[in-house]
Amino acid sequence: MDRYTELHSYVLVAAKGSFAAAALVEGVTPAIMGRRLTALEDRLGIKLIHRSTRGLTLTELGDTYLESAKALLRTFDDLDASVSENQSAVRGHLMVSAPAGFGRRHVAPHAPEFQARYPDLSLSFDLTDNVIDLVREGYDLAIRIGEVLDPNYVAIKLFANQRVVCGAPQYFAAQGYPQTLEDLAKHNCLTFNLQGGQHRGWTFQRDGRQVAIKVAGNLYCNDGELLFDWAKRGLGLSWRSVWEIQGALESGELVTVLDDYALPSYDIQGVYPQQHYLPAKVRFFIAFLKEVYNRPNYWVES
């Protein structure tokens, strides 16, 4: 067994917390993942992970070794990327994190087309609205929407996006149109609950500064698609990304308001850790998503 496979399997088991979860990503059996870890421990002569009926726990040495193993795997990938610029370099395994709703509609569904181009690559997706620590969790790439402030990450714009207030024509016919941000207090605003975030309110730009406006309504949830559906049904106003509502805007189901106060950009971005060489698998997947998102009428028809 080669050392790269041992290291990769160890990092994956540590990240997933079980042989079964790691094996699912690798497409092998849990027993194979266990044998890989045992081979690594035997070669090193140390115990890296305690196994028990309650689960897996890293030893003190295992925790120290984990960080070095991650760094070494990144170096391997960087070395491949430094000498490879063709599609034969797109191999191995690509781990991607993306927001749940966006990833379900606009990231994971494109995996088969990408794999058809690069059949030596396997992909796995973690669709979650939690912000993942890519380095600690072992992910190659995250798709994020909005500003990325962490200087340890590189953010590549995949497509322009804004966050806007919208509502159905029948709602505005009954309740009127808000003219200022303060007018939102007079309207039924469909918002995320505490579990869904946005506890600071809806964010806008006014006089060159970002401002958060507290809003309230009679319907709350932690699911963006449900908020989108409620808005189309005329139940209130919603603060949504243009990528999500473009089709409804084109059809007239929704209308935007307060556009002069919208944040200048809330872009869809590919995010990865700072590194000397960007692995080909990450570079090619970013380029592929850019291509997909810029296809004519993509956001209207998707």
C-alpha atoms as a PDB file:
ATOM      1  CA  MET A   1       0.000   0.000   0.000  1.00  0.00           C
ATOM      2  CA  ASP A   2       1.473   3.411  -0.930  1.00  0.00           C
ATOM      3  CA  ARG A   3       2.068   6.006   1.727  1.00  0.00           C
ATOM      4  CA  TYR A   4      -0.142   8.608   0.024  1.00  0.00           C
ATOM      5  CA  THR A   5      -3.153   6.289   0.310  1.00  0.00           C
ATOM      6  CA  GLU A   6      -2.391   5.642   3.982  1.00  0.00           C
ATOM      7  CA  LEU A   7      -2.095   9.344   4.764  1.00  0.00           C
ATOM      8  CA  HIS A   8      -5.171  10.291   2.749  1.00  0.00           C
ATOM      9  CA  SER A   9      -7.247   7.587   4.454  1.00  0.00           C
ATOM     10  CA  TYR A  10      -6.040   8.650   7.907  1.00  0.00           C
ATOM     11  CA  VAL A  11      -6.952  12.301   7.305  1.00  0.00           C
ATOM     12  CA  LEU A  12     -10.354  11.301   5.941  1.00  0.00           C
ATOM     13  CA  VAL A  13     -11.140   8.983   8.881  1.00  0.00           C
ATOM     14  CA  ALA A  14     -10.124  11.708  11.335  1.00  0.00           C
ATOM     15  CA  ALA A  15     -12.328  14.265   9.543  1.00  0.00           C
ATOM     16  CA  LYS A  16     -15.382  11.999   9.267  1.00  0.00           C
ATOM     17  CA  GLY A  17     -15.075  10.439  12.715  1.00  0.00           C
ATOM     18  CA  SER A  18     -15.765   6.875  11.597  1.00  0.00           C
ATOM     19  CA  PHE A  19     -14.522   4.215   9.220  1.00  0.00           C
ATOM     20  CA  ALA A  20     -17.993   3.865   7.705  1.00  0.00           C
ATOM     21  CA  ALA A  21     -18.338   7.559   6.815  1.00  0.00           C
ATOM     22  CA  ALA A  22     -14.809   7.714   5.402  1.00  0.00           C
ATOM     23  CA  ALA A  23     -15.356   4.502   3.424  1.00  0.00           C
ATOM     24  CA  LEU A  24     -18.506   5.972   1.877  1.00  0.00           C
ATOM     25  CA  VAL A  25     -16.486   8.901   0.532  1.00  0.00           C
ATOM     26  CA  GLU A  26     -13.737   6.614  -0.796  1.00  0.00           C
ATOM     27  CA  GLY A  27     -16.110   4.070  -2.288  1.00  0.00           C
ATOM     28  CA  VAL A  28     -14.569   1.170  -0.352  1.00  0.00           C
ATOM     29  CA  THR A  29     -15.583  -0.903   2.669  1.00  0.00           C
ATOM     30  CA  PRO A  30     -15.005   0.197   6.300  1.00  0.00           C
ATOM     31  CA  ALA A  31     -12.738  -2.837   6.714  1.00  0.00           C
ATOM     32  CA  ILE A  32     -10.417  -1.516   4.007  1.00  0.00           C
ATOM     33  CA  MET A  33     -10.224   1.878   5.719  1.00  0.00           C
ATOM     34  CA  GLY A  34      -9.392   0.080   8.963  1.00  0.00           C
ATOM     35  CA  ARG A  35      -6.609  -1.915   7.320  1.00  0.00           C
ATOM     36  CA  ARG A  36      -5.124   1.254   5.841  1.00  0.00           C
ATOM     37  CA  LEU A  37      -5.015   2.894   9.265  1.00  0.00           C
ATOM     38  CA  THR A  38      -3.505  -0.214  10.856  1.00  0.00           C
ATOM     39  CA  ALA A  39      -0.810  -0.354   8.163  1.00  0.00           C
ATOM     40  CA  LEU A  40       0.064   3.296   8.827  1.00  0.00           C
ATOM     41  CA  GLU A  41       0.231   2.751  12.587  1.00  0.00           C
ATOM     42  CA  ASP A  42       2.350  -0.380  12.167  1.00  0.00           C
ATOM     43  CA  ARG A  43       4.784   1.422   9.892  1.00  0.00           C
ATOM     44  CA  LEU A  44       5.095   4.354  12.312  1.00  0.00           C
ATOM     45  CA  GLY A  45       5.103   2.190  15.418  1.00  0.00           C
ATOM     46  CA  ILE A  46       2.592   4.439  17.196  1.00  0.00           C
ATOM     47  CA  LYS A  47      -1.130   4.479  17.944  1.00  0.00           C
ATOM     48  CA  LEU A  48      -2.873   7.296  16.060  1.00  0.00           C
ATOM     49  CA  ILE A  49      -6.531   6.586  16.850  1.00  0.00           C
ATOM     50  CA  HIS A  50      -8.180   4.863  19.800  1.00  0.00           C
ATOM     51  CA  ARG A  51     -11.005   2.589  18.662  1.00  0.00           C
ATOM     52  CA  SER A  52     -13.889   1.749  20.987  1.00  0.00           C
ATOM     53  CA  THR A  53     -17.562   0.889  20.836  1.00  0.00           C
ATOM     54  CA  ARG A  54     -18.268   4.591  21.441  1.00  0.00           C
ATOM     55  CA  GLY A  55     -16.336   5.696  18.388  1.00  0.00           C
ATOM     56  CA  LEU A  56     -12.899   6.885  17.308  1.00  0.00           C
ATOM     57  CA  THR A  57     -10.662   9.277  19.246  1.00  0.00           C
ATOM     58  CA  LEU A  58      -7.344  10.708  18.140  1.00  0.00           C
ATOM     59  CA  THR A  59      -4.409  10.057  20.451  1.00  0.00           C
ATOM     60  CA  GLU A  60      -2.186  12.977  21.415  1.00  0.00           C
ATOM     61  CA  LEU A  61       0.401  11.838  18.886  1.00  0.00           C
ATOM     62  CA  GLY A  62      -2.377  11.232  16.364  1.00  0.00           C
ATOM     63  CA  ASP A  63      -3.585  14.813  16.690  1.00  0.00           C
ATOM     64  CA  THR A  64      -0.071  16.166  16.129  1.00  0.00           C
ATOM     65  CA  TYR A  65       0.507  13.823  13.211  1.00  0.00           C
ATOM     66  CA  LEU A  66      -2.813  14.815  11.632  1.00  0.00           C
ATOM     67  CA  GLU A  67      -1.749  18.417  11.003  1.00  0.00           C
ATOM     68  CA  SER A  68       1.529  17.286   9.443  1.00  0.00           C
ATOM     69  CA  ALA A  69      -0.312  14.729   7.297  1.00  0.00           C
ATOM     70  CA  LYS A  70      -2.704  17.394   5.972  1.00  0.00           C
ATOM     71  CA  ALA A  71       0.202  19.681   5.118  1.00  0.00           C
ATOM     72  CA  LEU A  72       2.023  16.870   3.334  1.00  0.00           C
ATOM     73  CA  LEU A  73      -1.033  15.923   1.270  1.00  0.00           C
ATOM     74  CA  ARG A  74      -1.435  19.544   0.229  1.00  0.00           C
ATOM     75  CA  THR A  75       2.217  19.561  -0.818  1.00  0.00           C
ATOM     76  CA  PHE A  76       1.664  16.444  -2.939  1.00  0.00           C
ATOM     77  CA  ASP A  77      -1.298  18.076  -4.667  1.00  0.00           C
ATOM     78  CA  ASP A  78       0.605  21.327  -5.137  1.00  0.00           C
ATOM     79  CA  LEU A  79       3.510  19.467  -6.715  1.00  0.00           C
ATOM     80  CA  ASP A  80       1.200  17.763  -9.207  1.00  0.00           C
ATOM     81  CA  ALA A  81      -0.428  21.068 -10.049  1.00  0.00           C
ATOM     82  CA  SER A  82       2.923  22.789 -10.588  1.00  0.00           C
ATOM     83  CA  VAL A  83       3.833  20.497 -13.485  1.00  0.00           C
ATOM     84  CA  SER A  84       0.428  19.591 -14.879  1.00  0.00           C
ATOM     85  CA  GLU A  85      -1.813  21.837 -16.935  1.00  0.00           C
ATOM     86  CA  ASN A  86      -3.881  19.283 -18.827  1.00  0.00           C
ATOM     87  CA  GLN A  87      -6.972  17.308 -17.970  1.00  0.00           C
ATOM     88  CA  SER A  88      -4.954  14.174 -17.164  1.00  0.00           C
ATOM     89  CA  ALA A  89      -3.925  16.038 -13.979  1.00  0.00           C
ATOM     90  CA  VAL A  90      -7.548  16.152 -12.830  1.00  0.00           C
ATOM     91  CA  ARG A  91      -7.572  12.971 -10.812  1.00  0.00           C
ATOM     92  CA  GLY A  92      -7.989  11.800  -7.249  1.00  0.00           C
ATOM     93  CA  HIS A  93     -10.791  13.036  -5.004  1.00  0.00           C
ATOM     94  CA  LEU A  94     -12.338  16.523  -4.779  1.00  0.00           C
ATOM     95  CA  MET A  95     -14.173  17.470  -1.576  1.00  0.00           C
ATOM     96  CA  VAL A  96     -16.549  20.439  -1.921  1.00  0.00           C
ATOM     97  CA  SER A  97     -18.627  22.310   0.651  1.00  0.00           C
ATOM     98  CA  ALA A  98     -21.613  24.390  -0.479  1.00  0.00           C
ATOM     99  CA  PRO A  99     -24.718  26.025   1.035  1.00  0.00           C
ATOM    100  CA  ALA A 100     -27.523  23.482   1.268  1.00  0.00           C
ATOM    101  CA  GLY A 101     -30.095  25.036  -1.055  1.00  0.00           C
ATOM    102  CA  PHE A 102     -27.632  26.427  -3.568  1.00  0.00           C
ATOM    103  CA  GLY A 103     -25.517  23.280  -3.592  1.00  0.00           C
ATOM    104  CA  ARG A 104     -28.553  21.076  -4.125  1.00  0.00           C
ATOM    105  CA  ARG A 105     -29.653  23.063  -7.182  1.00  0.00           C
ATOM    106  CA  HIS A 106     -26.501  24.528  -8.665  1.00  0.00           C
ATOM    107  CA  VAL A 107     -23.397  22.580  -7.603  1.00  0.00           C
ATOM    108  CA  ALA A 108     -23.937  18.866  -7.022  1.00  0.00           C
ATOM    109  CA  PRO A 109     -26.261  18.352 -10.055  1.00  0.00           C
ATOM    110  CA  HIS A 110     -23.379  19.312 -12.360  1.00  0.00           C
ATOM    111  CA  ALA A 111     -21.035  16.632 -11.010  1.00  0.00           C
ATOM    112  CA  PRO A 112     -21.920  14.022 -13.685  1.00  0.00           C
ATOM    113  CA  GLU A 113     -21.075  16.447 -16.510  1.00  0.00           C
ATOM    114  CA  PHE A 114     -17.772  17.361 -14.859  1.00  0.00           C
ATOM    115  CA  GLN A 115     -16.889  13.710 -14.276  1.00  0.00           C
ATOM    116  CA  ALA A 116     -17.644  12.908 -17.907  1.00  0.00           C
ATOM    117  CA  ARG A 117     -14.860  15.330 -18.809  1.00  0.00           C
ATOM    118  CA  TYR A 118     -12.483  14.093 -16.109  1.00  0.00           C
ATOM    119  CA  PRO A 119     -13.290  10.421 -15.439  1.00  0.00           C
ATOM    120  CA  ASP A 120     -10.267   9.890 -13.162  1.00  0.00           C
ATOM    121  CA  LEU A 121     -11.714  12.247 -10.556  1.00  0.00           C
ATOM    122  CA  SER A 122     -14.246  11.407  -7.852  1.00  0.00           C
ATOM    123  CA  LEU A 123     -16.223  14.082  -6.005  1.00  0.00           C
ATOM    124  CA  SER A 124     -18.025  14.377  -2.689  1.00  0.00           C
ATOM    125  CA  PHE A 125     -20.232  17.230  -1.468  1.00  0.00           C
ATOM    126  CA  ASP A 126     -21.107  18.519   1.986  1.00  0.00           C
ATOM    127  CA  LEU A 127     -24.251  20.597   1.567  1.00  0.00           C
ATOM    128  CA  THR A 128     -24.616  22.668   4.711  1.00  0.00           C
ATOM    129  CA  ASP A 129     -25.341  26.266   5.666  1.00  0.00           C
ATOM    130  CA  ASN A 130     -22.646  26.060   8.347  1.00  0.00           C
ATOM    131  CA  VAL A 131     -19.330  27.729   7.490  1.00  0.00           C
ATOM    132  CA  ILE A 132     -16.789  24.914   7.191  1.00  0.00           C
ATOM    133  CA  ASP A 133     -13.140  25.259   8.234  1.00  0.00           C
ATOM    134  CA  LEU A 134     -11.716  23.920   4.982  1.00  0.00           C
ATOM    135  CA  VAL A 135      -8.232  23.222   6.300  1.00  0.00           C
ATOM    136  CA  ARG A 136      -9.290  21.532   9.520  1.00  0.00           C
ATOM    137  CA  GLU A 137     -12.044  19.487   7.831  1.00  0.00           C
ATOM    138  CA  GLY A 138      -9.925  18.571   4.822  1.00  0.00           C
ATOM    139  CA  TYR A 139     -12.036  20.182   2.079  1.00  0.00           C
ATOM    140  CA  ASP A 140     -10.517  21.343  -1.191  1.00  0.00           C
ATOM    141  CA  LEU A 141     -13.087  23.985  -2.081  1.00  0.00           C
ATOM    142  CA  ALA A 142     -16.136  25.796  -0.734  1.00  0.00           C
ATOM    143  CA  ILE A 143     -18.846  27.560  -2.680  1.00  0.00           C
ATOM    144  CA  ARG A 144     -19.941  30.610  -0.710  1.00  0.00           C
ATOM    145  CA  ILE A 145     -22.313  33.482  -1.350  1.00  0.00           C
ATOM    146  CA  GLY A 146     -21.392  36.925  -0.127  1.00  0.00           C
ATOM    147  CA  GLU A 147     -18.219  38.574   1.079  1.00  0.00           C
ATOM    148  CA  VAL A 148     -15.258  36.431   2.204  1.00  0.00           C
ATOM    149  CA  LEU A 149     -13.146  38.276   4.787  1.00  0.00           C
ATOM    150  CA  ASP A 150     -10.685  35.617   5.975  1.00  0.00           C
ATOM    151  CA  PRO A 151      -7.213  36.520   4.581  1.00  0.00           C
ATOM    152  CA  ASN A 152      -6.193  32.863   4.738  1.00  0.00           C
ATOM    153  CA  TYR A 153      -8.585  32.064   1.888  1.00  0.00           C
ATOM    154  CA  VAL A 154      -8.692  32.954  -1.795  1.00  0.00           C
ATOM    155  CA  ALA A 155     -12.120  33.845  -3.217  1.00  0.00           C
ATOM    156  CA  ILE A 156     -12.789  33.548  -6.956  1.00  0.00           C
ATOM    157  CA  LYS A 157     -15.962  35.158  -8.309  1.00  0.00           C
ATOM    158  CA  LEU A 158     -18.067  32.591 -10.156  1.00  0.00           C
ATOM    159  CA  PHE A 159     -21.043  34.795 -10.941  1.00  0.00           C
ATOM    160  CA  ALA A 160     -22.350  38.224  -9.966  1.00  0.00           C
ATOM    161  CA  ASN A 161     -25.205  38.222  -7.486  1.00  0.00           C
ATOM    162  CA  GLN A 162     -27.144  40.654  -5.315  1.00  0.00           C
ATOM    163  CA  ARG A 163     -29.436  40.314  -2.335  1.00  0.00           C
ATOM    164  CA  VAL A 164     -32.749  42.123  -2.877  1.00  0.00           C
ATOM    165  CA  VAL A 165     -36.135  42.630  -1.249  1.00  0.00           C
ATOM    166  CA  CYS A 166     -38.935  41.097  -3.280  1.00  0.00           C
ATOM    167  CA  GLY A 167     -42.639  40.374  -3.118  1.00  0.00           C
ATOM    168  CA  ALA A 168     -45.525  39.204  -5.281  1.00  0.00           C
ATOM    169  CA  PRO A 169     -47.650  41.725  -7.241  1.00  0.00           C
ATOM    170  CA  GLN A 170     -50.731  40.705  -5.260  1.00  0.00           C
ATOM    171  CA  TYR A 171     -48.976  41.551  -1.996  1.00  0.00           C
ATOM    172  CA  PHE A 172     -48.047  45.040  -3.210  1.00  0.00           C
ATOM    173  CA  ALA A 173     -51.560  45.574  -4.566  1.00  0.00           C
ATOM    174  CA  ALA A 174     -52.908  44.997  -1.059  1.00  0.00           C
ATOM    175  CA  GLN A 175     -50.138  46.526   1.089  1.00  0.00           C
ATOM    176  CA  GLY A 176     -48.396  49.108  -1.107  1.00  0.00           C
ATOM    177  CA  TYR A 177     -44.716  49.494  -1.887  1.00  0.00           C
ATOM    178  CA  PRO A 178     -42.052  50.404   0.690  1.00  0.00           C
ATOM    179  CA  GLN A 179     -40.226  53.585  -0.330  1.00  0.00           C
ATOM    180  CA  THR A 180     -37.554  53.698   2.389  1.00  0.00           C
ATOM    181  CA  LEU A 181     -35.787  51.148   4.578  1.00  0.00           C
ATOM    182  CA  GLU A 182     -37.817  52.378   7.548  1.00  0.00           C
ATOM    183  CA  ASP A 183     -41.005  51.458   5.668  1.00  0.00           C
ATOM    184  CA  LEU A 184     -40.097  47.780   6.104  1.00  0.00           C
ATOM    185  CA  ALA A 185     -41.373  48.057   9.679  1.00  0.00           C
ATOM    186  CA  LYS A 186     -44.890  48.471   8.231  1.00  0.00           C
ATOM    187  CA  HIS A 187     -44.687  45.303   6.133  1.00  0.00           C
ATOM    188  CA  ASN A 188     -44.949  41.578   6.811  1.00  0.00           C
ATOM    189  CA  CYS A 189     -41.373  40.385   6.327  1.00  0.00           C
ATOM    190  CA  LEU A 190     -40.752  36.679   5.853  1.00  0.00           C
ATOM    191  CA  THR A 191     -37.521  35.896   7.685  1.00  0.00           C
ATOM    192  CA  PHE A 192     -35.276  33.159   8.928  1.00  0.00           C
ATOM    193  CA  ASN A 193     -35.738  32.119  12.531  1.00  0.00           C
ATOM    194  CA  LEU A 194     -32.818  31.972  14.982  1.00  0.00           C
ATOM    195  CA  GLN A 195     -31.795  28.553  13.670  1.00  0.00           C
ATOM    196  CA  GLY A 196     -31.569  29.955  10.148  1.00  0.00           C
ATOM    197  CA  GLY A 197     -29.509  33.042  11.001  1.00  0.00           C
ATOM    198  CA  GLN A 198     -30.136  36.666   9.946  1.00  0.00           C
ATOM    199  CA  HIS A 199     -30.708  37.596  13.579  1.00  0.00           C
ATOM    200  CA  ARG A 200     -29.063  40.966  12.869  1.00  0.00           C
ATOM    201  CA  GLY A 201     -31.735  41.787  10.311  1.00  0.00           C
ATOM    202  CA  TRP A 202     -31.591  42.467   6.581  1.00  0.00           C
ATOM    203  CA  THR A 203     -28.453  44.224   5.367  1.00  0.00           C
ATOM    204  CA  PHE A 204     -28.390  47.169   2.965  1.00  0.00           C
ATOM    205  CA  GLN A 205     -26.136  49.978   1.822  1.00  0.00           C
ATOM    206  CA  ARG A 206     -27.066  53.594   2.551  1.00  0.00           C
ATOM    207  CA  ASP A 207     -24.843  56.646   2.133  1.00  0.00           C
ATOM    208  CA  GLY A 208     -21.866  54.412   1.442  1.00  0.00           C
ATOM    209  CA  ARG A 209     -22.254  52.373   4.645  1.00  0.00           C
ATOM    210  CA  GLN A 210     -23.755  49.001   5.407  1.00  0.00           C
ATOM    211  CA  VAL A 211     -26.790  49.109   7.675  1.00  0.00           C
ATOM    212  CA  ALA A 212     -28.778  46.280   9.228  1.00  0.00           C
ATOM    213  CA  ILE A 213     -32.540  46.790   9.407  1.00  0.00           C
ATOM    214  CA  LYS A 214     -34.568  44.828  11.916  1.00  0.00           C
ATOM    215  CA  VAL A 215     -37.674  43.323  10.328  1.00  0.00           C
ATOM    216  CA  ALA A 216     -40.581  41.264  11.589  1.00  0.00           C
ATOM    217  CA  GLY A 217     -43.515  39.274  10.304  1.00  0.00           C
ATOM    218  CA  ASN A 218     -45.863  36.436  11.090  1.00  0.00           C
ATOM    219  CA  LEU A 219     -43.966  33.592   9.364  1.00  0.00           C
ATOM    220  CA  TYR A 220     -40.448  32.378  10.191  1.00  0.00           C
ATOM    221  CA  CYS A 221     -38.438  29.309   9.226  1.00  0.00           C
ATOM    222  CA  ASN A 222     -34.878  28.074   8.651  1.00  0.00           C
ATOM    223  CA  ASP A 223     -35.397  27.065   5.002  1.00  0.00           C
ATOM    224  CA  GLY A 224     -34.756  29.535   2.186  1.00  0.00           C
ATOM    225  CA  GLU A 225     -36.832  27.672  -0.376  1.00  0.00           C
ATOM    226  CA  LEU A 226     -39.877  27.871   1.871  1.00  0.00           C
ATOM    227  CA  LEU A 227     -39.396  31.628   2.304  1.00  0.00           C
ATOM    228  CA  PHE A 228     -39.147  31.918  -1.488  1.00  0.00           C
ATOM    229  CA  ASP A 229     -42.407  29.977  -1.904  1.00  0.00           C
ATOM    230  CA  TRP A 230     -44.214  32.099   0.698  1.00  0.00           C
ATOM    231  CA  ALA A 231     -43.139  35.266  -1.114  1.00  0.00           C
ATOM    232  CA  LYS A 232     -44.458  33.982  -4.453  1.00  0.00           C
ATOM    233  CA  ARG A 233     -47.779  33.223  -2.778  1.00  0.00           C
ATOM    234  CA  GLY A 234     -48.097  36.857  -1.720  1.00  0.00           C
ATOM    235  CA  LEU A 235     -47.720  36.228   2.018  1.00  0.00           C
ATOM    236  CA  GLY A 236     -45.100  38.926   2.571  1.00  0.00           C
ATOM    237  CA  LEU A 237     -41.749  40.384   1.583  1.00  0.00           C
ATOM    238  CA  SER A 238     -38.559  38.335   1.406  1.00  0.00           C
ATOM    239  CA  TRP A 239     -34.839  39.171   1.196  1.00  0.00           C
ATOM    240  CA  ARG A 240     -33.467  36.794  -1.408  1.00  0.00           C
ATOM    241  CA  SER A 241     -30.470  36.326  -3.684  1.00  0.00           C
ATOM    242  CA  VAL A 242     -31.046  37.149  -7.343  1.00  0.00           C
ATOM    243  CA  TRP A 243     -29.698  33.709  -8.351  1.00  0.00           C
ATOM    244  CA  GLU A 244     -32.664  32.130  -6.575  1.00  0.00           C
ATOM    245  CA  ILE A 245     -35.455  34.385  -7.840  1.00  0.00           C
ATOM    246  CA  GLN A 246     -34.299  35.252 -11.378  1.00  0.00           C
ATOM    247  CA  GLY A 247     -36.868  32.969 -13.006  1.00  0.00           C
ATOM    248  CA  ALA A 248     -39.676  34.399 -10.855  1.00  0.00           C
ATOM    249  CA  LEU A 249     -38.594  37.944 -11.739  1.00  0.00           C
ATOM    250  CA  GLU A 250     -38.614  37.133 -15.451  1.00  0.00           C
ATOM    251  CA  SER A 251     -42.091  35.578 -15.209  1.00  0.00           C
ATOM    252  CA  GLY A 252     -43.488  38.435 -13.122  1.00  0.00           C
ATOM    253  CA  GLU A 253     -44.257  36.241 -10.101  1.00  0.00           C
ATOM    254  CA  LEU A 254     -42.006  38.485  -8.007  1.00  0.00           C
ATOM    255  CA  VAL A 255     -41.045  42.165  -8.136  1.00  0.00           C
ATOM    256  CA  THR A 256     -38.066  43.775  -6.393  1.00  0.00           C
ATOM    257  CA  VAL A 257     -38.251  46.934  -4.277  1.00  0.00           C
ATOM    258  CA  LEU A 258     -35.707  49.186  -2.537  1.00  0.00           C
ATOM    259  CA  ASP A 259     -33.132  48.319  -5.204  1.00  0.00           C
ATOM    260  CA  ASP A 260     -31.220  51.571  -4.590  1.00  0.00           C
ATOM    261  CA  TYR A 261     -30.311  50.250  -1.138  1.00  0.00           C
ATOM    262  CA  ALA A 262     -29.167  46.780  -2.235  1.00  0.00           C
ATOM    263  CA  LEU A 263     -25.611  45.774  -1.349  1.00  0.00           C
ATOM    264  CA  PRO A 264     -23.329  46.365  -4.353  1.00  0.00           C
ATOM    265  CA  SER A 265     -22.391  42.690  -4.579  1.00  0.00           C
ATOM    266  CA  TYR A 266     -23.270  39.442  -2.872  1.00  0.00           C
ATOM    267  CA  ASP A 267     -21.415  37.283  -5.338  1.00  0.00           C
ATOM    268  CA  ILE A 268     -21.263  33.514  -5.764  1.00  0.00           C
ATOM    269  CA  GLN A 269     -17.654  32.585  -5.065  1.00  0.00           C
ATOM    270  CA  GLY A 270     -15.319  29.611  -5.076  1.00  0.00           C
ATOM    271  CA  VAL A 271     -13.177  29.678  -1.933  1.00  0.00           C
ATOM    272  CA  TYR A 272     -10.027  27.698  -1.165  1.00  0.00           C
ATOM    273  CA  PRO A 273      -7.109  27.965   1.294  1.00  0.00           C
ATOM    274  CA  GLN A 274      -4.091  30.055   0.379  1.00  0.00           C
ATOM    275  CA  GLN A 275      -1.456  27.795  -1.199  1.00  0.00           C
ATOM    276  CA  HIS A 276       1.561  28.128  -3.445  1.00  0.00           C
ATOM    277  CA  TYR A 277       0.100  26.005  -6.237  1.00  0.00           C
ATOM    278  CA  LEU A 278      -3.594  25.492  -6.838  1.00  0.00           C
ATOM    279  CA  PRO A 279      -4.365  21.794  -7.503  1.00  0.00           C
ATOM    280  CA  ALA A 280      -5.619  21.150 -11.012  1.00  0.00           C
ATOM    281  CA  LYS A 281      -8.805  19.487  -9.731  1.00  0.00           C
ATOM    282  CA  VAL A 282      -9.787  22.697  -7.906  1.00  0.00           C
ATOM    283  CA  ARG A 283      -8.780  24.994 -10.740  1.00  0.00           C
ATOM    284  CA  PHE A 284     -10.681  22.987 -13.351  1.00  0.00           C
ATOM    285  CA  PHE A 285     -13.834  22.696 -11.202  1.00  0.00           C
ATOM    286  CA  ILE A 286     -13.881  26.460 -10.616  1.00  0.00           C
ATOM    287  CA  ALA A 287     -13.520  27.066 -14.360  1.00  0.00           C
ATOM    288  CA  PHE A 288     -16.287  24.549 -15.042  1.00  0.00           C
ATOM    289  CA  LEU A 289     -18.747  26.209 -12.661  1.00  0.00           C
ATOM    290  CA  LYS A 290     -17.973  29.600 -14.201  1.00  0.00           C
ATOM    291  CA  GLU A 291     -18.800  28.146 -17.600  1.00  0.00           C
ATOM    292  CA  VAL A 292     -22.063  26.627 -16.376  1.00  0.00           C
ATOM    293  CA  TYR A 293     -23.239  29.767 -14.573  1.00  0.00           C
ATOM    294  CA  ASN A 294     -22.569  31.960 -17.610  1.00  0.00           C
ATOM    295  CA  ARG A 295     -24.581  29.828 -20.036  1.00  0.00           C
ATOM    296  CA  PRO A 296     -27.432  31.791 -21.662  1.00  0.00           C
ATOM    297  CA  ASN A 297     -30.617  31.758 -19.545  1.00  0.00           C
ATOM    298  CA  TYR A 298     -29.071  29.418 -16.970  1.00  0.00           C
ATOM    299  CA  TRP A 299     -30.482  31.281 -13.957  1.00  0.00           C
ATOM    300  CA  VAL A 300     -33.900  31.701 -15.553  1.00  0.00           C
ATOM    301  CA  GLU A 301     -34.316  28.047 -16.475  1.00  0.00           C
ATOM    302  CA  SER A 302     -32.638  26.378 -13.461  1.00  0.00           C
END
